[in-house]
Amino acid sequence: MQAHELIIGATREAARGAAAGGDDGTNDLLVSDVLRVNELQVWFISEQLAGAGIADKEEEAARSAAKAHA
């Protein structure tokens, strides 16, 4: 997770530099292909580590429904 956060920080800095230099192509590449992917991975990993993933919520709802019908 730390590696992703380091990549995110460096990518944001590089994207700001590219934007300031008028290099829209590099900025788009960094934001679209690097930043968003790493932000998504950090979100996914943190959700799984916190035990709050979608699968956990669906499983809990199914368990609650089964207990209600028992």
C-alpha atoms as a PDB file:
ATOM      1  CA  MET A   1       0.000   0.000   0.000  1.00  0.00           C
ATOM      2  CA  GLN A   2       2.879   2.352   0.784  1.00  0.00           C
ATOM      3  CA  ALA A   3       4.307   1.802  -2.674  1.00  0.00           C
ATOM      4  CA  HIS A   4       1.021   2.874  -4.271  1.00  0.00           C
ATOM      5  CA  GLU A   5       0.894   5.978  -2.089  1.00  0.00           C
ATOM      6  CA  LEU A   6       4.448   6.914  -3.085  1.00  0.00           C
ATOM      7  CA  ILE A   7       3.568   6.449  -6.752  1.00  0.00           C
ATOM      8  CA  ILE A   8       0.441   8.583  -6.308  1.00  0.00           C
ATOM      9  CA  GLY A   9       2.417  11.430  -4.739  1.00  0.00           C
ATOM     10  CA  ALA A  10       5.126  11.368  -7.398  1.00  0.00           C
ATOM     11  CA  THR A  11       2.560  11.109 -10.187  1.00  0.00           C
ATOM     12  CA  ARG A  12       0.563  14.083  -8.909  1.00  0.00           C
ATOM     13  CA  GLU A  13       3.748  16.148  -8.748  1.00  0.00           C
ATOM     14  CA  ALA A  14       4.770  15.093 -12.271  1.00  0.00           C
ATOM     15  CA  ALA A  15       1.275  15.779 -13.622  1.00  0.00           C
ATOM     16  CA  ARG A  16       1.312  19.274 -12.113  1.00  0.00           C
ATOM     17  CA  GLY A  17       4.701  19.887 -13.734  1.00  0.00           C
ATOM     18  CA  ALA A  18       3.454  18.643 -17.096  1.00  0.00           C
ATOM     19  CA  ALA A  19       0.356  20.831 -16.863  1.00  0.00           C
ATOM     20  CA  ALA A  20       2.421  23.868 -15.899  1.00  0.00           C
ATOM     21  CA  GLY A  21       4.702  23.203 -18.872  1.00  0.00           C
ATOM     22  CA  GLY A  22       1.759  22.939 -21.240  1.00  0.00           C
ATOM     23  CA  ASP A  23       2.358  19.241 -21.951  1.00  0.00           C
ATOM     24  CA  ASP A  24      -1.254  18.108 -22.016  1.00  0.00           C
ATOM     25  CA  GLY A  25      -0.446  14.667 -23.447  1.00  0.00           C
ATOM     26  CA  THR A  26       1.912  13.765 -20.614  1.00  0.00           C
ATOM     27  CA  ASN A  27      -0.501  15.161 -18.047  1.00  0.00           C
ATOM     28  CA  ASP A  28      -3.349  13.078 -19.494  1.00  0.00           C
ATOM     29  CA  LEU A  29      -1.192   9.957 -19.556  1.00  0.00           C
ATOM     30  CA  LEU A  30      -0.100  10.402 -15.945  1.00  0.00           C
ATOM     31  CA  VAL A  31      -3.572  11.155 -14.628  1.00  0.00           C
ATOM     32  CA  SER A  32      -5.496   8.610 -16.699  1.00  0.00           C
ATOM     33  CA  ASP A  33      -3.115   5.679 -16.819  1.00  0.00           C
ATOM     34  CA  VAL A  34      -1.029   5.978 -13.678  1.00  0.00           C
ATOM     35  CA  LEU A  35      -2.826   8.038 -11.043  1.00  0.00           C
ATOM     36  CA  ARG A  36      -6.320   6.594 -11.409  1.00  0.00           C
ATOM     37  CA  VAL A  37      -5.086   3.001 -11.484  1.00  0.00           C
ATOM     38  CA  ASN A  38      -3.038   3.428  -8.314  1.00  0.00           C
ATOM     39  CA  GLU A  39      -5.827   5.319  -6.512  1.00  0.00           C
ATOM     40  CA  LEU A  40      -8.231   2.514  -7.387  1.00  0.00           C
ATOM     41  CA  GLN A  41      -5.796  -0.103  -6.100  1.00  0.00           C
ATOM     42  CA  VAL A  42      -5.262   1.770  -2.819  1.00  0.00           C
ATOM     43  CA  TRP A  43      -9.021   2.063  -2.358  1.00  0.00           C
ATOM     44  CA  PHE A  44      -9.563  -1.634  -3.108  1.00  0.00           C
ATOM     45  CA  ILE A  45      -6.791  -2.823  -0.816  1.00  0.00           C
ATOM     46  CA  SER A  46      -7.885  -0.555   2.044  1.00  0.00           C
ATOM     47  CA  GLU A  47     -11.483  -1.774   1.725  1.00  0.00           C
ATOM     48  CA  GLN A  48     -10.348  -5.381   1.863  1.00  0.00           C
ATOM     49  CA  LEU A  49      -8.057  -4.763   4.827  1.00  0.00           C
ATOM     50  CA  ALA A  50     -10.814  -2.962   6.679  1.00  0.00           C
ATOM     51  CA  GLY A  51     -13.186  -5.848   6.054  1.00  0.00           C
ATOM     52  CA  ALA A  52     -15.655  -3.500   4.393  1.00  0.00           C
ATOM     53  CA  GLY A  53     -15.546  -4.944   0.883  1.00  0.00           C
ATOM     54  CA  ILE A  54     -18.688  -5.436  -1.155  1.00  0.00           C
ATOM     55  CA  ALA A  55     -18.554  -9.206  -0.704  1.00  0.00           C
ATOM     56  CA  ASP A  56     -18.476  -8.831   3.092  1.00  0.00           C
ATOM     57  CA  LYS A  57     -21.528  -6.567   3.064  1.00  0.00           C
ATOM     58  CA  GLU A  58     -23.479  -8.930   0.801  1.00  0.00           C
ATOM     59  CA  GLU A  59     -22.536 -11.910   2.941  1.00  0.00           C
ATOM     60  CA  GLU A  60     -23.654 -10.115   6.115  1.00  0.00           C
ATOM     61  CA  ALA A  61     -26.963  -9.132   4.488  1.00  0.00           C
ATOM     62  CA  ALA A  62     -27.547 -12.740   3.448  1.00  0.00           C
ATOM     63  CA  ARG A  63     -26.724 -13.938   6.977  1.00  0.00           C
ATOM     64  CA  SER A  64     -29.151 -11.412   8.482  1.00  0.00           C
ATOM     65  CA  ALA A  65     -31.890 -12.420   6.078  1.00  0.00           C
ATOM     66  CA  ALA A  66     -31.360 -16.104   6.896  1.00  0.00           C
ATOM     67  CA  LYS A  67     -31.576 -15.406  10.645  1.00  0.00           C
ATOM     68  CA  ALA A  68     -34.775 -13.392  10.151  1.00  0.00           C
ATOM     69  CA  HIS A  69     -36.429 -16.308   8.336  1.00  0.00           C
ATOM     70  CA  ALA A  70     -35.265 -18.945  10.838  1.00  0.00           C
END
